[in-house]
């Protein structure tokens, strides 16, 4: 991350890991924290949570847990993981395996998918 943000994030992650036991993998450090292209943007995650909001808090927490695992354990970018989850959740909240590689680095495609999905949900 630009402008020294990566170093500050590593320091914050160390403070979080100590009392919480949260695991921050090397893939997360390499792909997210030390990436020159990663941008801190929680909008994608919020869009994914919005798709399942009416299904209750349990479903929202399940979505959050999957997104956190993708980021902090697997080192997947927020844009990539939210796009995959939004496509898999669909209008009825049914998770199905899909190839989401077409959405990598394409926030406009993610936004379009989110709008379409939200229209179907109501």
PDB file of N, CA and C in Angstrom:
ATOM      1  N   UNK A   1       0.842  -1.170   0.000  1.00  0.00           N
ATOM      2  CA  UNK A   1       0.000   0.000   0.000  1.00  0.00           C
ATOM      3  C   UNK A   1       0.888   1.235   0.000  1.00  0.00           C
ATOM      4  N   UNK A   2       0.450   2.227  -0.696  1.00  0.00           N
ATOM      5  CA  UNK A   2       1.244   3.428  -0.897  1.00  0.00           C
ATOM      6  C   UNK A   2       1.392   4.251   0.374  1.00  0.00           C
ATOM      7  N   UNK A   3       2.362   5.141   0.345  1.00  0.00           N
ATOM      8  CA  UNK A   3       2.567   6.147   1.386  1.00  0.00           C
ATOM      9  C   UNK A   3       2.777   5.567   2.787  1.00  0.00           C
ATOM     10  N   UNK A   4       3.403   4.416   2.885  1.00  0.00           N
ATOM     11  CA  UNK A   4       3.703   3.853   4.191  1.00  0.00           C
ATOM     12  C   UNK A   4       2.529   3.220   4.909  1.00  0.00           C
ATOM     13  N   UNK A   5       1.396   3.110   4.251  1.00  0.00           N
ATOM     14  CA  UNK A   5       0.222   2.518   4.901  1.00  0.00           C
ATOM     15  C   UNK A   5       0.471   1.069   5.279  1.00  0.00           C
ATOM     16  N   UNK A   6       1.210   0.340   4.457  1.00  0.00           N
ATOM     17  CA  UNK A   6       1.482  -1.060   4.735  1.00  0.00           C
ATOM     18  C   UNK A   6       2.193  -1.257   6.059  1.00  0.00           C
ATOM     19  N   UNK A   7       3.174  -0.416   6.326  1.00  0.00           N
ATOM     20  CA  UNK A   7       3.906  -0.517   7.596  1.00  0.00           C
ATOM     21  C   UNK A   7       2.995  -0.241   8.782  1.00  0.00           C
ATOM     22  N   UNK A   8       2.127   0.753   8.659  1.00  0.00           N
ATOM     23  CA  UNK A   8       1.192   1.065   9.750  1.00  0.00           C
ATOM     24  C   UNK A   8       0.191  -0.073   9.941  1.00  0.00           C
ATOM     25  N   UNK A   9      -0.230  -0.675   8.845  1.00  0.00           N
ATOM     26  CA  UNK A   9      -1.164  -1.802   8.933  1.00  0.00           C
ATOM     27  C   UNK A   9      -0.495  -2.985   9.634  1.00  0.00           C
ATOM     28  N   UNK A  10       0.748  -3.271   9.297  1.00  0.00           N
ATOM     29  CA  UNK A  10       1.461  -4.373   9.956  1.00  0.00           C
ATOM     30  C   UNK A  10       1.565  -4.136  11.461  1.00  0.00           C
ATOM     31  N   UNK A  11       1.825  -2.897  11.853  1.00  0.00           N
ATOM     32  CA  UNK A  11       1.893  -2.574  13.277  1.00  0.00           C
ATOM     33  C   UNK A  11       0.533  -2.773  13.952  1.00  0.00           C
ATOM     34  N   UNK A  12      -0.522  -2.308  13.291  1.00  0.00           N
ATOM     35  CA  UNK A  12      -1.869  -2.463  13.857  1.00  0.00           C
ATOM     36  C   UNK A  12      -2.258  -3.934  13.923  1.00  0.00           C
ATOM     37  N   UNK A  13      -1.925  -4.687  12.882  1.00  0.00           N
ATOM     38  CA  UNK A  13      -2.254  -6.117  12.868  1.00  0.00           C
ATOM     39  C   UNK A  13      -1.565  -6.845  14.013  1.00  0.00           C
ATOM     40  N   UNK A  14      -0.328  -6.468  14.326  1.00  0.00           N
ATOM     41  CA  UNK A  14       0.391  -7.099  15.439  1.00  0.00           C
ATOM     42  C   UNK A  14      -0.320  -6.808  16.762  1.00  0.00           C
ATOM     43  N   UNK A  15      -0.801  -5.575  16.916  1.00  0.00           N
ATOM     44  CA  UNK A  15      -1.539  -5.229  18.144  1.00  0.00           C
ATOM     45  C   UNK A  15      -2.863  -5.983  18.222  1.00  0.00           C
ATOM     46  N   UNK A  16      -3.498  -6.227  17.097  1.00  0.00           N
ATOM     47  CA  UNK A  16      -4.760  -6.966  17.068  1.00  0.00           C
ATOM     48  C   UNK A  16      -4.524  -8.446  17.347  1.00  0.00           C
ATOM     49  N   UNK A  17      -3.480  -9.001  16.762  1.00  0.00           N
ATOM     50  CA  UNK A  17      -3.218 -10.435  16.874  1.00  0.00           C
ATOM     51  C   UNK A  17      -2.910 -10.866  18.303  1.00  0.00           C
ATOM     52  N   UNK A  18      -2.196 -10.029  19.028  1.00  0.00           N
ATOM     53  CA  UNK A  18      -1.770 -10.415  20.380  1.00  0.00           C
ATOM     54  C   UNK A  18      -2.942 -10.797  21.279  1.00  0.00           C
ATOM     55  N   UNK A  19      -3.914  -9.931  21.508  1.00  0.00           N
ATOM     56  CA  UNK A  19      -4.995 -10.300  22.426  1.00  0.00           C
ATOM     57  C   UNK A  19      -6.097 -11.145  21.790  1.00  0.00           C
ATOM     58  N   UNK A  20      -6.260 -11.034  20.472  1.00  0.00           N
ATOM     59  CA  UNK A  20      -7.418 -11.684  19.838  1.00  0.00           C
ATOM     60  C   UNK A  20      -7.121 -13.055  19.272  1.00  0.00           C
ATOM     61  N   UNK A  21      -5.847 -13.321  18.969  1.00  0.00           N
ATOM     62  CA  UNK A  21      -5.504 -14.586  18.333  1.00  0.00           C
ATOM     63  C   UNK A  21      -5.763 -14.587  16.837  1.00  0.00           C
ATOM     64  N   UNK A  22      -6.173 -13.443  16.275  1.00  0.00           N
ATOM     65  CA  UNK A  22      -6.426 -13.323  14.837  1.00  0.00           C
ATOM     66  C   UNK A  22      -5.173 -13.690  14.078  1.00  0.00           C
ATOM     67  N   UNK A  23      -5.309 -14.529  13.071  1.00  0.00           N
ATOM     68  CA  UNK A  23      -4.180 -14.972  12.256  1.00  0.00           C
ATOM     69  C   UNK A  23      -4.100 -14.120  10.999  1.00  0.00           C
ATOM     70  N   UNK A  24      -2.947 -13.520  10.757  1.00  0.00           N
ATOM     71  CA  UNK A  24      -2.686 -12.770   9.533  1.00  0.00           C
ATOM     72  C   UNK A  24      -1.627 -13.542   8.759  1.00  0.00           C
ATOM     73  N   UNK A  25      -2.008 -14.135   7.649  1.00  0.00           N
ATOM     74  CA  UNK A  25      -1.105 -15.018   6.911  1.00  0.00           C
ATOM     75  C   UNK A  25      -0.071 -14.252   6.103  1.00  0.00           C
ATOM     76  N   UNK A  26       0.947 -14.986   5.675  1.00  0.00           N
ATOM     77  CA  UNK A  26       1.962 -14.395   4.807  1.00  0.00           C
ATOM     78  C   UNK A  26       1.349 -13.999   3.466  1.00  0.00           C
ATOM     79  N   UNK A  27       0.357 -14.753   2.988  1.00  0.00           N
ATOM     80  CA  UNK A  27      -0.319 -14.398   1.729  1.00  0.00           C
ATOM     81  C   UNK A  27      -1.014 -13.038   1.871  1.00  0.00           C
ATOM     82  N   UNK A  28      -1.638 -12.800   3.009  1.00  0.00           N
ATOM     83  CA  UNK A  28      -2.265 -11.500   3.276  1.00  0.00           C
ATOM     84  C   UNK A  28      -1.212 -10.394   3.268  1.00  0.00           C
ATOM     85  N   UNK A  29      -0.110 -10.631   3.937  1.00  0.00           N
ATOM     86  CA  UNK A  29       0.946  -9.618   3.996  1.00  0.00           C
ATOM     87  C   UNK A  29       1.486  -9.332   2.599  1.00  0.00           C
ATOM     88  N   UNK A  30       1.787 -10.390   1.844  1.00  0.00           N
ATOM     89  CA  UNK A  30       2.360 -10.215   0.503  1.00  0.00           C
ATOM     90  C   UNK A  30       1.366  -9.618  -0.492  1.00  0.00           C
ATOM     91  N   UNK A  31       0.150 -10.155  -0.515  1.00  0.00           N
ATOM     92  CA  UNK A  31      -0.823  -9.771  -1.551  1.00  0.00           C
ATOM     93  C   UNK A  31      -1.618  -8.515  -1.228  1.00  0.00           C
ATOM     94  N   UNK A  32      -1.777  -8.225   0.038  1.00  0.00           N
ATOM     95  CA  UNK A  32      -2.625  -7.101   0.435  1.00  0.00           C
ATOM     96  C   UNK A  32      -1.778  -5.967   1.019  1.00  0.00           C
ATOM     97  N   UNK A  33      -1.156  -6.227   2.134  1.00  0.00           N
ATOM     98  CA  UNK A  33      -0.457  -5.173   2.868  1.00  0.00           C
ATOM     99  C   UNK A  33       0.720  -4.602   2.082  1.00  0.00           C
ATOM    100  N   UNK A  34       1.499  -5.448   1.460  1.00  0.00           N
ATOM    101  CA  UNK A  34       2.683  -4.977   0.735  1.00  0.00           C
ATOM    102  C   UNK A  34       2.418  -4.717  -0.746  1.00  0.00           C
ATOM    103  N   UNK A  35       1.200  -4.848  -1.178  1.00  0.00           N
ATOM    104  CA  UNK A  35       0.836  -4.602  -2.576  1.00  0.00           C
ATOM    105  C   UNK A  35       0.882  -3.114  -2.905  1.00  0.00           C
ATOM    106  N   UNK A  36       1.386  -2.792  -4.070  1.00  0.00           N
ATOM    107  CA  UNK A  36       1.398  -1.405  -4.526  1.00  0.00           C
ATOM    108  C   UNK A  36       0.048  -0.983  -5.093  1.00  0.00           C
ATOM    109  N   UNK A  37      -0.815  -1.945  -5.376  1.00  0.00           N
ATOM    110  CA  UNK A  37      -2.084  -1.622  -6.033  1.00  0.00           C
ATOM    111  C   UNK A  37      -3.308  -1.761  -5.137  1.00  0.00           C
ATOM    112  N   UNK A  38      -3.178  -2.420  -3.990  1.00  0.00           N
ATOM    113  CA  UNK A  38      -4.334  -2.631  -3.105  1.00  0.00           C
ATOM    114  C   UNK A  38      -4.813  -1.297  -2.542  1.00  0.00           C
ATOM    115  N   UNK A  39      -6.118  -1.128  -2.496  1.00  0.00           N
ATOM    116  CA  UNK A  39      -6.729   0.085  -1.965  1.00  0.00           C
ATOM    117  C   UNK A  39      -7.638  -0.315  -0.807  1.00  0.00           C
ATOM    118  N   UNK A  40      -7.589   0.436   0.277  1.00  0.00           N
ATOM    119  CA  UNK A  40      -8.484   0.177   1.399  1.00  0.00           C
ATOM    120  C   UNK A  40      -9.870   0.681   1.017  1.00  0.00           C
ATOM    121  N   UNK A  41     -10.803  -0.232   0.829  1.00  0.00           N
ATOM    122  CA  UNK A  41     -12.155   0.143   0.419  1.00  0.00           C
ATOM    123  C   UNK A  41     -13.120  -0.901   0.961  1.00  0.00           C
ATOM    124  N   UNK A  42     -13.888  -0.540   1.960  1.00  0.00           N
ATOM    125  CA  UNK A  42     -14.835  -1.479   2.554  1.00  0.00           C
ATOM    126  C   UNK A  42     -16.154  -1.515   1.801  1.00  0.00           C
ATOM    127  N   UNK A  43     -16.283  -0.749   0.746  1.00  0.00           N
ATOM    128  CA  UNK A  43     -17.521  -0.704  -0.021  1.00  0.00           C
ATOM    129  C   UNK A  43     -17.909  -2.047  -0.606  1.00  0.00           C
ATOM    130  N   UNK A  44     -16.929  -2.800  -1.084  1.00  0.00           N
ATOM    131  CA  UNK A  44     -17.230  -4.107  -1.670  1.00  0.00           C
ATOM    132  C   UNK A  44     -17.808  -5.057  -0.623  1.00  0.00           C
ATOM    133  N   UNK A  45     -17.213  -5.043   0.551  1.00  0.00           N
ATOM    134  CA  UNK A  45     -17.698  -5.893   1.626  1.00  0.00           C
ATOM    135  C   UNK A  45     -19.103  -5.480   2.052  1.00  0.00           C
ATOM    136  N   UNK A  46     -19.340  -4.190   2.122  1.00  0.00           N
ATOM    137  CA  UNK A  46     -20.674  -3.692   2.482  1.00  0.00           C
ATOM    138  C   UNK A  46     -21.711  -4.116   1.453  1.00  0.00           C
ATOM    139  N   UNK A  47     -21.344  -4.092   0.182  1.00  0.00           N
ATOM    140  CA  UNK A  47     -22.270  -4.522  -0.865  1.00  0.00           C
ATOM    141  C   UNK A  47     -22.620  -5.996  -0.702  1.00  0.00           C
ATOM    142  N   UNK A  48     -21.625  -6.804  -0.397  1.00  0.00           N
ATOM    143  CA  UNK A  48     -21.881  -8.233  -0.216  1.00  0.00           C
ATOM    144  C   UNK A  48     -22.798  -8.465   0.977  1.00  0.00           C
ATOM    145  N   UNK A  49     -22.567  -7.746   2.070  1.00  0.00           N
ATOM    146  CA  UNK A  49     -23.422  -7.893   3.249  1.00  0.00           C
ATOM    147  C   UNK A  49     -24.839  -7.415   2.957  1.00  0.00           C
ATOM    148  N   UNK A  50     -24.971  -6.366   2.162  1.00  0.00           N
ATOM    149  CA  UNK A  50     -26.299  -5.844   1.828  1.00  0.00           C
ATOM    150  C   UNK A  50     -27.139  -6.876   1.071  1.00  0.00           C
ATOM    151  N   UNK A  51     -26.478  -7.707   0.302  1.00  0.00           N
ATOM    152  CA  UNK A  51     -27.209  -8.716  -0.473  1.00  0.00           C
ATOM    153  C   UNK A  51     -27.918  -9.741   0.403  1.00  0.00           C
ATOM    154  N   UNK A  52     -27.405  -9.956   1.603  1.00  0.00           N
ATOM    155  CA  UNK A  52     -28.006 -10.960   2.484  1.00  0.00           C
ATOM    156  C   UNK A  52     -28.629 -10.342   3.725  1.00  0.00           C
ATOM    157  N   UNK A  53     -28.693  -9.034   3.778  1.00  0.00           N
ATOM    158  CA  UNK A  53     -29.189  -8.333   4.962  1.00  0.00           C
ATOM    159  C   UNK A  53     -30.550  -8.840   5.426  1.00  0.00           C
ATOM    160  N   UNK A  54     -31.474  -9.002   4.526  1.00  0.00           N
ATOM    161  CA  UNK A  54     -32.830  -9.405   4.901  1.00  0.00           C
ATOM    162  C   UNK A  54     -32.918 -10.864   5.339  1.00  0.00           C
ATOM    163  N   UNK A  55     -31.824 -11.590   5.221  1.00  0.00           N
ATOM    164  CA  UNK A  55     -31.810 -12.982   5.649  1.00  0.00           C
ATOM    165  C   UNK A  55     -31.390 -13.112   7.112  1.00  0.00           C
ATOM    166  N   UNK A  56     -31.115 -11.982   7.750  1.00  0.00           N
ATOM    167  CA  UNK A  56     -30.831 -11.995   9.180  1.00  0.00           C
ATOM    168  C   UNK A  56     -29.373 -11.815   9.521  1.00  0.00           C
ATOM    169  N   UNK A  57     -29.163 -11.515  10.790  1.00  0.00           N
ATOM    170  CA  UNK A  57     -27.819 -11.227  11.289  1.00  0.00           C
ATOM    171  C   UNK A  57     -26.892 -12.428  11.152  1.00  0.00           C
ATOM    172  N   UNK A  58     -27.415 -13.612  11.365  1.00  0.00           N
ATOM    173  CA  UNK A  58     -26.586 -14.810  11.251  1.00  0.00           C
ATOM    174  C   UNK A  58     -25.980 -14.946   9.869  1.00  0.00           C
ATOM    175  N   UNK A  59     -26.772 -14.664   8.865  1.00  0.00           N
ATOM    176  CA  UNK A  59     -26.295 -14.748   7.481  1.00  0.00           C
ATOM    177  C   UNK A  59     -25.260 -13.654   7.208  1.00  0.00           C
ATOM    178  N   UNK A  60     -25.507 -12.451   7.732  1.00  0.00           N
ATOM    179  CA  UNK A  60     -24.542 -11.372   7.535  1.00  0.00           C
ATOM    180  C   UNK A  60     -23.205 -11.708   8.200  1.00  0.00           C
ATOM    181  N   UNK A  61     -23.255 -12.278   9.406  1.00  0.00           N
ATOM    182  CA  UNK A  61     -22.014 -12.647  10.082  1.00  0.00           C
ATOM    183  C   UNK A  61     -21.292 -13.763   9.332  1.00  0.00           C
ATOM    184  N   UNK A  62     -22.044 -14.683   8.735  1.00  0.00           N
ATOM    185  CA  UNK A  62     -21.431 -15.751   7.950  1.00  0.00           C
ATOM    186  C   UNK A  62     -20.713 -15.172   6.729  1.00  0.00           C
ATOM    187  N   UNK A  63     -21.345 -14.203   6.080  1.00  0.00           N
ATOM    188  CA  UNK A  63     -20.718 -13.542   4.937  1.00  0.00           C
ATOM    189  C   UNK A  63     -19.440 -12.844   5.387  1.00  0.00           C
ATOM    190  N   UNK A  64     -19.525 -12.101   6.486  1.00  0.00           N
ATOM    191  CA  UNK A  64     -18.361 -11.393   7.010  1.00  0.00           C
ATOM    192  C   UNK A  64     -17.228 -12.358   7.326  1.00  0.00           C
ATOM    193  N   UNK A  65     -17.545 -13.482   7.941  1.00  0.00           N
ATOM    194  CA  UNK A  65     -16.519 -14.462   8.297  1.00  0.00           C
ATOM    195  C   UNK A  65     -15.831 -15.010   7.048  1.00  0.00           C
ATOM    196  N   UNK A  66     -16.623 -15.281   6.006  1.00  0.00           N
ATOM    197  CA  UNK A  66     -16.026 -15.793   4.762  1.00  0.00           C
ATOM    198  C   UNK A  66     -15.122 -14.754   4.130  1.00  0.00           C
ATOM    199  N   UNK A  67     -15.566 -13.499   4.137  1.00  0.00           N
ATOM    200  CA  UNK A  67     -14.767 -12.427   3.546  1.00  0.00           C
ATOM    201  C   UNK A  67     -13.478 -12.203   4.341  1.00  0.00           C
ATOM    202  N   UNK A  68     -13.561 -12.275   5.675  1.00  0.00           N
ATOM    203  CA  UNK A  68     -12.368 -12.105   6.501  1.00  0.00           C
ATOM    204  C   UNK A  68     -11.369 -13.235   6.284  1.00  0.00           C
ATOM    205  N   UNK A  69     -11.860 -14.459   6.169  1.00  0.00           N
ATOM    206  CA  UNK A  69     -10.970 -15.587   5.901  1.00  0.00           C
ATOM    207  C   UNK A  69     -10.290 -15.412   4.554  1.00  0.00           C
ATOM    208  N   UNK A  70     -11.067 -14.997   3.551  1.00  0.00           N
ATOM    209  CA  UNK A  70     -10.481 -14.788   2.226  1.00  0.00           C
ATOM    210  C   UNK A  70      -9.360 -13.749   2.284  1.00  0.00           C
ATOM    211  N   UNK A  71      -9.589 -12.689   3.033  1.00  0.00           N
ATOM    212  CA  UNK A  71      -8.598 -11.608   3.095  1.00  0.00           C
ATOM    213  C   UNK A  71      -7.412 -11.959   3.981  1.00  0.00           C
ATOM    214  N   UNK A  72      -7.680 -12.271   5.242  1.00  0.00           N
ATOM    215  CA  UNK A  72      -6.599 -12.394   6.215  1.00  0.00           C
ATOM    216  C   UNK A  72      -5.879 -13.733   6.182  1.00  0.00           C
ATOM    217  N   UNK A  73      -6.506 -14.771   5.678  1.00  0.00           N
ATOM    218  CA  UNK A  73      -5.866 -16.088   5.598  1.00  0.00           C
ATOM    219  C   UNK A  73      -5.392 -16.380   4.179  1.00  0.00           C
ATOM    220  N   UNK A  74      -6.280 -16.145   3.190  1.00  0.00           N
ATOM    221  CA  UNK A  74      -5.946 -16.486   1.801  1.00  0.00           C
ATOM    222  C   UNK A  74      -5.297 -15.343   1.038  1.00  0.00           C
ATOM    223  N   UNK A  75      -5.335 -14.118   1.582  1.00  0.00           N
ATOM    224  CA  UNK A  75      -4.684 -12.991   0.928  1.00  0.00           C
ATOM    225  C   UNK A  75      -5.368 -12.517  -0.332  1.00  0.00           C
ATOM    226  N   UNK A  76      -6.699 -12.596  -0.368  1.00  0.00           N
ATOM    227  CA  UNK A  76      -7.466 -12.198  -1.550  1.00  0.00           C
ATOM    228  C   UNK A  76      -7.928 -10.754  -1.380  1.00  0.00           C
ATOM    229  N   UNK A  77      -7.786  -9.969  -2.431  1.00  0.00           N
ATOM    230  CA  UNK A  77      -8.174  -8.558  -2.412  1.00  0.00           C
ATOM    231  C   UNK A  77      -9.657  -8.387  -2.127  1.00  0.00           C
ATOM    232  N   UNK A  78     -10.008  -7.272  -1.504  1.00  0.00           N
ATOM    233  CA  UNK A  78     -11.408  -6.967  -1.197  1.00  0.00           C
ATOM    234  C   UNK A  78     -12.256  -6.968  -2.458  1.00  0.00           C
ATOM    235  N   UNK A  79     -11.770  -6.397  -3.528  1.00  0.00           N
ATOM    236  CA  UNK A  79     -12.534  -6.340  -4.779  1.00  0.00           C
ATOM    237  C   UNK A  79     -12.789  -7.746  -5.304  1.00  0.00           C
ATOM    238  N   UNK A  80     -11.781  -8.588  -5.270  1.00  0.00           N
ATOM    239  CA  UNK A  80     -11.920  -9.946  -5.795  1.00  0.00           C
ATOM    240  C   UNK A  80     -12.849 -10.795  -4.946  1.00  0.00           C
ATOM    241  N   UNK A  81     -12.696 -10.747  -3.623  1.00  0.00           N
ATOM    242  CA  UNK A  81     -13.486 -11.626  -2.761  1.00  0.00           C
ATOM    243  C   UNK A  81     -14.936 -11.201  -2.720  1.00  0.00           C
ATOM    244  N   UNK A  82     -15.230  -9.904  -2.724  1.00  0.00           N
ATOM    245  CA  UNK A  82     -16.622  -9.461  -2.699  1.00  0.00           C
ATOM    246  C   UNK A  82     -17.314  -9.785  -4.004  1.00  0.00           C
ATOM    247  N   UNK A  83     -16.610  -9.645  -5.106  1.00  0.00           N
ATOM    248  CA  UNK A  83     -17.207  -9.977  -6.398  1.00  0.00           C
ATOM    249  C   UNK A  83     -17.586 -11.446  -6.438  1.00  0.00           C
ATOM    250  N   UNK A  84     -16.698 -12.278  -5.961  1.00  0.00           N
ATOM    251  CA  UNK A  84     -16.976 -13.708  -5.953  1.00  0.00           C
ATOM    252  C   UNK A  84     -18.164 -14.026  -5.062  1.00  0.00           C
ATOM    253  N   UNK A  85     -18.185 -13.454  -3.884  1.00  0.00           N
ATOM    254  CA  UNK A  85     -19.266 -13.730  -2.949  1.00  0.00           C
ATOM    255  C   UNK A  85     -20.593 -13.207  -3.466  1.00  0.00           C
ATOM    256  N   UNK A  86     -20.593 -11.991  -4.037  1.00  0.00           N
ATOM    257  CA  UNK A  86     -21.846 -11.437  -4.545  1.00  0.00           C
ATOM    258  C   UNK A  86     -22.416 -12.310  -5.652  1.00  0.00           C
ATOM    259  N   UNK A  87     -21.555 -12.790  -6.519  1.00  0.00           N
ATOM    260  CA  UNK A  87     -22.047 -13.639  -7.595  1.00  0.00           C
ATOM    261  C   UNK A  87     -22.564 -14.959  -7.044  1.00  0.00           C
ATOM    262  N   UNK A  88     -21.893 -15.501  -6.033  1.00  0.00           N
ATOM    263  CA  UNK A  88     -22.297 -16.783  -5.464  1.00  0.00           C
ATOM    264  C   UNK A  88     -23.559 -16.672  -4.623  1.00  0.00           C
ATOM    265  N   UNK A  89     -23.776 -15.524  -3.995  1.00  0.00           N
ATOM    266  CA  UNK A  89     -24.958 -15.359  -3.155  1.00  0.00           C
ATOM    267  C   UNK A  89     -26.210 -15.245  -4.005  1.00  0.00           C
ATOM    268  N   UNK A  90     -26.185 -14.424  -5.031  1.00  0.00           N
ATOM    269  CA  UNK A  90     -27.325 -14.271  -5.921  1.00  0.00           C
ATOM    270  C   UNK A  90     -28.559 -13.748  -5.205  1.00  0.00           C
ATOM    271  N   UNK A  91     -29.676 -13.808  -5.878  1.00  0.00           N
ATOM    272  CA  UNK A  91     -30.921 -13.219  -5.369  1.00  0.00           C
ATOM    273  C   UNK A  91     -31.513 -13.994  -4.202  1.00  0.00           C
ATOM    274  N   UNK A  92     -31.225 -15.271  -4.110  1.00  0.00           N
ATOM    275  CA  UNK A  92     -31.881 -16.091  -3.092  1.00  0.00           C
ATOM    276  C   UNK A  92     -30.937 -16.510  -1.974  1.00  0.00           C
ATOM    277  N   UNK A  93     -29.726 -15.984  -1.984  1.00  0.00           N
ATOM    278  CA  UNK A  93     -28.797 -16.304  -0.914  1.00  0.00           C
ATOM    279  C   UNK A  93     -28.252 -17.712  -0.985  1.00  0.00           C
ATOM    280  N   UNK A  94     -28.294 -18.326  -2.158  1.00  0.00           N
ATOM    281  CA  UNK A  94     -27.799 -19.681  -2.328  1.00  0.00           C
ATOM    282  C   UNK A  94     -26.361 -19.604  -2.826  1.00  0.00           C
ATOM    283  N   UNK A  95     -25.446 -20.173  -2.076  1.00  0.00           N
ATOM    284  CA  UNK A  95     -24.053 -20.147  -2.492  1.00  0.00           C
ATOM    285  C   UNK A  95     -23.772 -21.279  -3.462  1.00  0.00           C
ATOM    286  N   UNK A  96     -23.231 -20.903  -4.610  1.00  0.00           N
ATOM    287  CA  UNK A  96     -22.874 -21.878  -5.627  1.00  0.00           C
ATOM    288  C   UNK A  96     -21.460 -21.574  -6.083  1.00  0.00           C
ATOM    289  N   UNK A  97     -20.663 -22.604  -6.378  1.00  0.00           N
ATOM    290  CA  UNK A  97     -19.314 -22.332  -6.861  1.00  0.00           C
ATOM    291  C   UNK A  97     -19.366 -21.688  -8.247  1.00  0.00           C
ATOM    292  N   UNK A  98     -18.568 -20.661  -8.460  1.00  0.00           N
ATOM    293  CA  UNK A  98     -18.509 -19.990  -9.756  1.00  0.00           C
ATOM    294  C   UNK A  98     -17.073 -19.594 -10.063  1.00  0.00           C
ATOM    295  N   UNK A  99     -16.819 -19.333 -11.344  1.00  0.00           N
ATOM    296  CA  UNK A  99     -15.541 -18.769 -11.766  1.00  0.00           C
ATOM    297  C   UNK A  99     -15.705 -17.256 -11.774  1.00  0.00           C
ATOM    298  N   UNK A 100     -15.079 -16.573 -10.836  1.00  0.00           N
ATOM    299  CA  UNK A 100     -15.242 -15.134 -10.713  1.00  0.00           C
ATOM    300  C   UNK A 100     -14.042 -14.360 -11.236  1.00  0.00           C
ATOM    301  N   UNK A 101     -13.147 -15.011 -11.949  1.00  0.00           N
ATOM    302  CA  UNK A 101     -11.934 -14.350 -12.410  1.00  0.00           C
ATOM    303  C   UNK A 101     -12.217 -13.168 -13.332  1.00  0.00           C
ATOM    304  N   UNK A 102     -13.368 -13.151 -13.993  1.00  0.00           N
ATOM    305  CA  UNK A 102     -13.710 -12.033 -14.870  1.00  0.00           C
ATOM    306  C   UNK A 102     -13.892 -10.733 -14.100  1.00  0.00           C
ATOM    307  N   UNK A 103     -14.083 -10.801 -12.785  1.00  0.00           N
ATOM    308  CA  UNK A 103     -14.314  -9.607 -11.985  1.00  0.00           C
ATOM    309  C   UNK A 103     -13.036  -9.052 -11.362  1.00  0.00           C
ATOM    310  N   UNK A 104     -11.914  -9.737 -11.483  1.00  0.00           N
ATOM    311  CA  UNK A 104     -10.671  -9.267 -10.867  1.00  0.00           C
ATOM    312  C   UNK A 104     -10.327  -7.870 -11.375  1.00  0.00           C
ATOM    313  N   UNK A 105     -10.161  -6.961 -10.450  1.00  0.00           N
ATOM    314  CA  UNK A 105      -9.753  -5.614 -10.803  1.00  0.00           C
ATOM    315  C   UNK A 105     -10.769  -4.823 -11.602  1.00  0.00           C
ATOM    316  N   UNK A 106     -12.054  -5.209 -11.545  1.00  0.00           N
ATOM    317  CA  UNK A 106     -13.083  -4.522 -12.328  1.00  0.00           C
ATOM    318  C   UNK A 106     -14.198  -4.036 -11.415  1.00  0.00           C
ATOM    319  N   UNK A 107     -13.964  -2.939 -10.705  1.00  0.00           N
ATOM    320  CA  UNK A 107     -14.982  -2.454  -9.768  1.00  0.00           C
ATOM    321  C   UNK A 107     -16.301  -2.100 -10.437  1.00  0.00           C
ATOM    322  N   UNK A 108     -16.261  -1.678 -11.698  1.00  0.00           N
ATOM    323  CA  UNK A 108     -17.521  -1.354 -12.389  1.00  0.00           C
ATOM    324  C   UNK A 108     -18.373  -2.608 -12.586  1.00  0.00           C
ATOM    325  N   UNK A 109     -17.747  -3.734 -12.842  1.00  0.00           N
ATOM    326  CA  UNK A 109     -18.493  -4.983 -12.995  1.00  0.00           C
ATOM    327  C   UNK A 109     -19.080  -5.422 -11.663  1.00  0.00           C
ATOM    328  N   UNK A 110     -18.332  -5.225 -10.598  1.00  0.00           N
ATOM    329  CA  UNK A 110     -18.810  -5.561  -9.260  1.00  0.00           C
ATOM    330  C   UNK A 110     -20.003  -4.685  -8.899  1.00  0.00           C
ATOM    331  N   UNK A 111     -19.900  -3.396  -9.167  1.00  0.00           N
ATOM    332  CA  UNK A 111     -20.994  -2.470  -8.855  1.00  0.00           C
ATOM    333  C   UNK A 111     -22.242  -2.831  -9.656  1.00  0.00           C
ATOM    334  N   UNK A 112     -22.069  -3.177 -10.927  1.00  0.00           N
ATOM    335  CA  UNK A 112     -23.210  -3.558 -11.768  1.00  0.00           C
ATOM    336  C   UNK A 112     -23.872  -4.819 -11.209  1.00  0.00           C
ATOM    337  N   UNK A 113     -23.072  -5.798 -10.856  1.00  0.00           N
ATOM    338  CA  UNK A 113     -23.613  -7.039 -10.300  1.00  0.00           C
ATOM    339  C   UNK A 113     -24.348  -6.772  -8.997  1.00  0.00           C
ATOM    340  N   UNK A 114     -23.792  -5.913  -8.155  1.00  0.00           N
ATOM    341  CA  UNK A 114     -24.443  -5.586  -6.883  1.00  0.00           C
ATOM    342  C   UNK A 114     -25.794  -4.920  -7.130  1.00  0.00           C
ATOM    343  N   UNK A 115     -25.839  -3.963  -8.055  1.00  0.00           N
ATOM    344  CA  UNK A 115     -27.118  -3.294  -8.351  1.00  0.00           C
ATOM    345  C   UNK A 115     -28.149  -4.298  -8.855  1.00  0.00           C
ATOM    346  N   UNK A 116     -27.746  -5.156  -9.777  1.00  0.00           N
ATOM    347  CA  UNK A 116     -28.673  -6.146 -10.323  1.00  0.00           C
ATOM    348  C   UNK A 116     -29.157  -7.091  -9.236  1.00  0.00           C
ATOM    349  N   UNK A 117     -28.262  -7.528  -8.381  1.00  0.00           N
ATOM    350  CA  UNK A 117     -28.657  -8.446  -7.314  1.00  0.00           C
ATOM    351  C   UNK A 117     -29.587  -7.780  -6.318  1.00  0.00           C
ATOM    352  N   UNK A 118     -29.286  -6.538  -5.968  1.00  0.00           N
ATOM    353  CA  UNK A 118     -30.131  -5.825  -5.025  1.00  0.00           C
ATOM    354  C   UNK A 118     -31.521  -5.587  -5.586  1.00  0.00           C
ATOM    355  N   UNK A 119     -31.606  -5.346  -6.890  1.00  0.00           N
ATOM    356  CA  UNK A 119     -32.933  -5.168  -7.523  1.00  0.00           C
ATOM    357  C   UNK A 119     -33.762  -6.448  -7.394  1.00  0.00           C
ATOM    358  N   UNK A 120     -33.101  -7.596  -7.524  1.00  0.00           N
ATOM    359  CA  UNK A 120     -33.817  -8.875  -7.431  1.00  0.00           C
ATOM    360  C   UNK A 120     -34.279  -9.173  -6.005  1.00  0.00           C
ATOM    361  N   UNK A 121     -33.447  -8.738  -5.032  1.00  0.00           N
ATOM    362  CA  UNK A 121     -33.780  -9.001  -3.639  1.00  0.00           C
ATOM    363  C   UNK A 121     -34.929  -8.132  -3.189  1.00  0.00           C
ATOM    364  N   UNK A 122     -35.022  -6.946  -3.712  1.00  0.00           N
ATOM    365  CA  UNK A 122     -36.137  -6.071  -3.373  1.00  0.00           C
ATOM    366  C   UNK A 122     -35.684  -4.901  -2.685  1.00  0.00           C
TER     367      UNK A 122
END
